[in-house]
N, C-alpha and C. Protein backbone atom coordinates (compact mmCIF):
# COMPACT_ATOMS: atom_id res chain seq x y z
N MET A 1 -47.69 -29.02 -199.79
CA MET A 1 -48.25 -29.99 -199.91
C MET A 1 -49.17 -28.34 -199.21
N ILE A 2 -48.58 -28.13 -197.83
CA ILE A 2 -49.16 -27.42 -196.38
C ILE A 2 -49.39 -25.97 -197.55
N ASP A 3 -48.03 -25.97 -198.64
CA ASP A 3 -47.51 -24.41 -198.90
C ASP A 3 -49.02 -24.03 -199.51
N TYR A 4 -49.81 -24.80 -200.33
CA TYR A 4 -50.29 -24.66 -201.81
C TYR A 4 -51.63 -24.02 -200.83
N ALA A 5 -51.38 -25.36 -199.69
CA ALA A 5 -53.19 -24.96 -198.62
C ALA A 5 -53.58 -23.63 -198.07
N THR A 6 -51.90 -22.99 -197.43
CA THR A 6 -52.04 -21.37 -197.09
C THR A 6 -52.18 -20.94 -198.32
N TYR A 7 -51.34 -20.67 -198.73
CA TYR A 7 -51.51 -19.16 -199.90
C TYR A 7 -52.84 -19.59 -200.40
N PHE A 8 -54.11 -20.80 -200.61
CA PHE A 8 -55.10 -20.83 -201.00
C PHE A 8 -56.01 -20.09 -199.89
N ALA A 9 -55.81 -20.62 -198.91
CA ALA A 9 -56.25 -20.08 -197.71
C ALA A 9 -55.80 -18.25 -197.38
N SER A 10 -55.12 -17.76 -197.67
CA SER A 10 -54.67 -16.62 -197.56
C SER A 10 -55.49 -15.60 -198.66
N ALA A 11 -55.52 -16.17 -200.08
CA ALA A 11 -56.15 -16.40 -201.32
C ALA A 11 -58.10 -15.63 -200.15
N CYS A 12 -58.23 -16.46 -200.61
CA CYS A 12 -59.74 -16.71 -199.78
C CYS A 12 -60.05 -15.61 -198.39
N PHE A 13 -59.04 -15.46 -197.18
CA PHE A 13 -59.11 -14.97 -196.74
C PHE A 13 -59.21 -12.87 -196.89
N GLY A 14 -58.00 -12.99 -198.05
CA GLY A 14 -57.54 -11.46 -198.31
C GLY A 14 -59.35 -10.48 -198.96
N ALA A 15 -59.55 -12.00 -200.17
CA ALA A 15 -60.82 -11.97 -200.68
C ALA A 15 -62.29 -11.85 -199.78
N ALA A 16 -62.62 -12.13 -198.65
CA ALA A 16 -63.25 -11.61 -197.75
C ALA A 16 -63.08 -10.60 -197.43
N PHE A 17 -61.68 -10.21 -196.99
CA PHE A 17 -61.47 -8.79 -196.40
C PHE A 17 -61.93 -7.94 -197.41
N LEU A 18 -61.49 -7.90 -198.42
CA LEU A 18 -61.90 -6.88 -199.69
C LEU A 18 -63.44 -6.52 -199.39
N MET A 19 -63.97 -7.93 -200.01
CA MET A 19 -65.23 -7.33 -199.65
C MET A 19 -66.43 -6.79 -198.31
N ASN A 20 -65.16 -6.62 -197.14
CA ASN A 20 -65.64 -6.60 -196.15
C ASN A 20 -66.11 -5.29 -196.06
N MET A 21 -64.70 -4.75 -196.42
CA MET A 21 -64.47 -3.62 -196.74
C MET A 21 -65.35 -2.48 -197.89
N TRP A 22 -65.34 -3.32 -198.67
CA TRP A 22 -66.52 -3.10 -199.76
C TRP A 22 -68.31 -2.60 -198.90
N LYS A 23 -68.86 -3.45 -198.38
CA LYS A 23 -69.50 -3.49 -197.69
C LYS A 23 -69.38 -2.47 -196.55
N ILE A 24 -68.60 -2.12 -195.48
CA ILE A 24 -68.82 -1.17 -194.90
C ILE A 24 -69.07 0.34 -195.24
N ALA A 25 -67.62 0.56 -196.58
CA ALA A 25 -68.26 1.25 -197.33
C ALA A 25 -69.48 1.78 -197.92
N THR A 26 -69.95 0.66 -198.10
CA THR A 26 -71.66 0.87 -199.42
C THR A 26 -72.57 0.67 -198.30
N ALA A 27 -72.52 1.21 -196.92
CA ALA A 27 -73.62 -0.03 -196.50
C ALA A 27 -75.16 0.78 -195.88
N ASP A 28 -76.17 0.56 -195.94
CA ASP A 28 -77.27 1.88 -195.90
C ASP A 28 -76.93 2.18 -194.12
N ALA A 29 -77.69 0.63 -193.29
CA ALA A 29 -77.63 0.98 -192.15
C ALA A 29 -75.93 0.45 -191.17
N MET A 30 -76.49 1.58 -189.91
CA MET A 30 -75.09 1.36 -188.79
C MET A 30 -74.77 -0.35 -188.59
N SER A 31 -75.90 -0.81 -187.99
CA SER A 31 -75.29 -2.47 -187.60
C SER A 31 -75.06 -3.18 -188.48
N ASP A 32 -75.15 -3.35 -189.76
CA ASP A 32 -74.56 -3.61 -190.94
C ASP A 32 -72.99 -3.47 -191.34
N ARG A 33 -72.53 -2.15 -190.98
CA ARG A 33 -71.61 -1.34 -190.82
C ARG A 33 -70.69 -2.43 -189.87
N VAL A 34 -71.07 -2.85 -188.46
CA VAL A 34 -70.23 -2.80 -187.58
C VAL A 34 -70.61 -4.47 -188.00
N LEU A 35 -70.73 -4.93 -188.22
CA LEU A 35 -71.01 -6.64 -188.39
C LEU A 35 -69.96 -7.10 -189.85
N ALA A 36 -70.27 -6.12 -190.50
CA ALA A 36 -68.71 -6.34 -191.50
C ALA A 36 -67.40 -5.85 -190.71
N LEU A 37 -67.27 -5.29 -189.68
CA LEU A 37 -66.24 -4.86 -188.86
C LEU A 37 -65.72 -5.57 -187.92
N ASP A 38 -66.64 -6.23 -187.79
CA ASP A 38 -66.48 -7.02 -186.98
C ASP A 38 -66.03 -8.64 -187.31
N THR A 39 -67.02 -8.99 -188.96
CA THR A 39 -66.12 -10.14 -189.62
C THR A 39 -64.44 -9.45 -189.94
N MET A 40 -64.39 -8.83 -190.50
CA MET A 40 -63.26 -7.73 -190.80
C MET A 40 -62.37 -8.64 -189.63
N VAL A 41 -62.20 -8.36 -188.73
CA VAL A 41 -61.36 -8.02 -188.03
C VAL A 41 -61.24 -9.97 -187.62
N ILE A 42 -61.48 -10.75 -187.53
CA ILE A 42 -61.78 -12.36 -187.56
C ILE A 42 -61.32 -12.29 -189.14
N ASN A 43 -61.70 -11.71 -190.03
CA ASN A 43 -60.43 -12.34 -191.69
C ASN A 43 -58.98 -11.69 -191.13
N VAL A 44 -58.81 -10.58 -190.60
CA VAL A 44 -57.66 -10.18 -190.42
C VAL A 44 -56.82 -11.42 -189.10
N ILE A 45 -57.29 -11.86 -187.66
CA ILE A 45 -57.05 -12.43 -187.53
C ILE A 45 -56.84 -13.76 -188.05
N ALA A 46 -56.97 -14.50 -188.59
CA ALA A 46 -56.83 -15.43 -189.46
C ALA A 46 -55.80 -15.77 -190.78
N LEU A 47 -55.53 -14.07 -191.12
CA LEU A 47 -54.65 -13.89 -192.04
C LEU A 47 -53.60 -13.74 -191.46
N LEU A 48 -53.07 -13.54 -190.29
CA LEU A 48 -52.17 -13.58 -189.28
C LEU A 48 -51.71 -14.47 -188.66
N VAL A 49 -52.81 -15.14 -188.19
CA VAL A 49 -52.53 -16.81 -188.58
C VAL A 49 -51.46 -17.47 -188.83
N LEU A 50 -52.58 -17.53 -190.82
CA LEU A 50 -51.79 -18.00 -191.72
C LEU A 50 -50.31 -17.25 -192.35
N HIS A 51 -49.91 -16.31 -191.82
CA HIS A 51 -48.74 -15.67 -192.06
C HIS A 51 -47.49 -16.20 -191.19
N GLY A 52 -48.29 -17.01 -190.30
CA GLY A 52 -47.57 -16.76 -188.83
C GLY A 52 -47.22 -18.60 -189.62
N LEU A 53 -47.90 -18.90 -189.89
CA LEU A 53 -47.37 -20.89 -189.74
C LEU A 53 -46.12 -20.33 -191.42
N MET A 54 -46.89 -19.40 -192.49
CA MET A 54 -45.95 -19.43 -193.86
C MET A 54 -44.60 -19.38 -193.09
N LEU A 55 -44.68 -17.96 -191.81
CA LEU A 55 -43.24 -18.03 -191.70
C LEU A 55 -42.54 -18.74 -190.18
N SER A 56 -43.21 -19.83 -190.13
CA SER A 56 -42.77 -20.24 -188.81
C SER A 56 -42.58 -19.51 -187.43
N THR A 57 -43.69 -17.68 -187.49
CA THR A 57 -42.40 -17.54 -186.09
C THR A 57 -44.06 -17.65 -185.83
N GLU A 58 -43.66 -17.13 -183.78
CA GLU A 58 -44.98 -17.27 -183.29
C GLU A 58 -45.28 -16.16 -183.05
N ILE A 59 -44.56 -15.07 -182.83
CA ILE A 59 -44.97 -13.47 -183.17
C ILE A 59 -46.59 -13.29 -183.42
N TYR A 60 -46.58 -13.92 -184.81
CA TYR A 60 -47.78 -13.19 -185.36
C TYR A 60 -49.38 -13.64 -184.37
N PHE A 61 -48.94 -14.79 -184.04
CA PHE A 61 -50.13 -15.98 -182.86
C PHE A 61 -50.40 -14.73 -181.55
N GLU A 62 -49.62 -14.11 -181.29
CA GLU A 62 -49.68 -13.05 -180.39
C GLU A 62 -49.74 -12.04 -180.81
N ALA A 63 -50.06 -11.51 -181.85
CA ALA A 63 -50.87 -10.50 -182.51
C ALA A 63 -52.12 -10.92 -182.78
N ALA A 64 -52.08 -11.79 -183.47
CA ALA A 64 -53.79 -12.21 -184.04
C ALA A 64 -54.62 -12.17 -182.05
N LEU A 65 -53.79 -12.51 -181.35
CA LEU A 65 -54.70 -12.31 -179.78
C LEU A 65 -55.08 -11.04 -179.16
N ILE A 66 -53.48 -9.94 -179.66
CA ILE A 66 -53.97 -9.22 -179.18
C ILE A 66 -55.44 -8.04 -180.32
N ILE A 67 -55.43 -9.09 -181.44
CA ILE A 67 -56.29 -7.95 -182.19
C ILE A 67 -57.59 -8.55 -181.90
N ALA A 68 -57.63 -9.73 -181.69
CA ALA A 68 -58.71 -10.48 -180.60
C ALA A 68 -59.45 -9.76 -180.46
N MET A 69 -58.33 -9.21 -179.40
CA MET A 69 -59.02 -8.56 -177.73
C MET A 69 -60.05 -7.18 -178.28
N LEU A 70 -58.35 -6.84 -179.30
CA LEU A 70 -59.11 -5.19 -180.01
C LEU A 70 -60.91 -5.44 -180.46
N GLY A 71 -60.85 -6.43 -180.96
CA GLY A 71 -62.16 -6.73 -182.07
C GLY A 71 -63.41 -6.78 -180.93
N PHE A 72 -62.81 -6.89 -180.00
CA PHE A 72 -64.02 -7.69 -178.70
C PHE A 72 -64.64 -7.01 -178.03
N VAL A 73 -63.64 -6.14 -177.88
CA VAL A 73 -63.80 -4.49 -176.54
C VAL A 73 -64.26 -3.83 -177.99
N SER A 74 -64.26 -3.59 -179.46
CA SER A 74 -64.77 -2.29 -180.28
C SER A 74 -66.47 -2.95 -180.71
N THR A 75 -66.32 -4.34 -180.85
CA THR A 75 -67.66 -5.28 -180.55
C THR A 75 -69.34 -4.58 -179.27
N VAL A 76 -67.92 -5.12 -178.87
CA VAL A 76 -68.93 -4.59 -177.73
C VAL A 76 -69.54 -3.12 -177.09
N ALA A 77 -68.38 -1.92 -177.28
CA ALA A 77 -68.49 -0.32 -177.99
C ALA A 77 -69.83 -0.02 -178.18
N TYR A 78 -69.63 -0.30 -179.88
CA TYR A 78 -70.19 -0.17 -180.65
C TYR A 78 -71.72 -0.93 -180.58
N ALA A 79 -71.61 -1.75 -179.50
CA ALA A 79 -73.66 -2.19 -179.39
C ALA A 79 -73.58 -1.50 -178.31
N ARG A 80 -73.55 -1.06 -177.48
CA ARG A 80 -73.61 -0.28 -176.25
C ARG A 80 -73.94 1.52 -176.79
N PHE A 81 -72.90 1.68 -177.94
CA PHE A 81 -73.05 2.75 -178.62
C PHE A 81 -74.85 3.07 -179.19
N MET A 82 -75.18 1.42 -180.17
CA MET A 82 -76.15 1.75 -180.63
C MET A 82 -77.78 1.73 -179.90
N LEU A 83 -77.07 0.97 -178.82
CA LEU A 83 -78.13 0.37 -177.55
C LEU A 83 -78.79 1.71 -177.14
N ARG A 84 -77.45 2.18 -176.11
CA ARG A 84 -77.67 3.80 -175.57
C ARG A 84 -77.36 4.67 -175.57
N GLY A 85 -76.19 5.02 -176.96
CA GLY A 85 -76.03 6.32 -177.27
C GLY A 85 -75.22 6.19 -176.65
N ASN A 86 -74.97 6.34 -175.77
CA ASN A 86 -73.15 6.68 -175.20
C ASN A 86 -72.45 5.58 -174.87
N ILE A 87 -70.95 5.28 -174.37
CA ILE A 87 -70.41 3.93 -174.33
C ILE A 87 -70.48 3.88 -172.69
N ILE A 88 -69.78 5.21 -172.20
CA ILE A 88 -69.23 4.83 -171.25
C ILE A 88 -70.38 5.57 -170.15
N GLU A 89 -70.69 5.08 -169.08
CA GLU A 89 -71.62 5.98 -168.07
C GLU A 89 -71.07 6.80 -166.94
């Protein structure tokens, strides 16, 4: 039963990933693209965790943690760029 749930969740997060890619490609404002990119990072983390559950391995959980840290740093960098015009002072 858990196999069906993980397959269904993977399909849902995969569809959400594709919708975020569409929003990044067609958004008018820069802030919409940043929000879609941040949501896409969350979807990638969820897909990695689900894939790790399917294969019963721990390496995907570590990869998800690394991507989460990189996603946070990139979101902060985009926010600073949008507010101040530069990232590093």
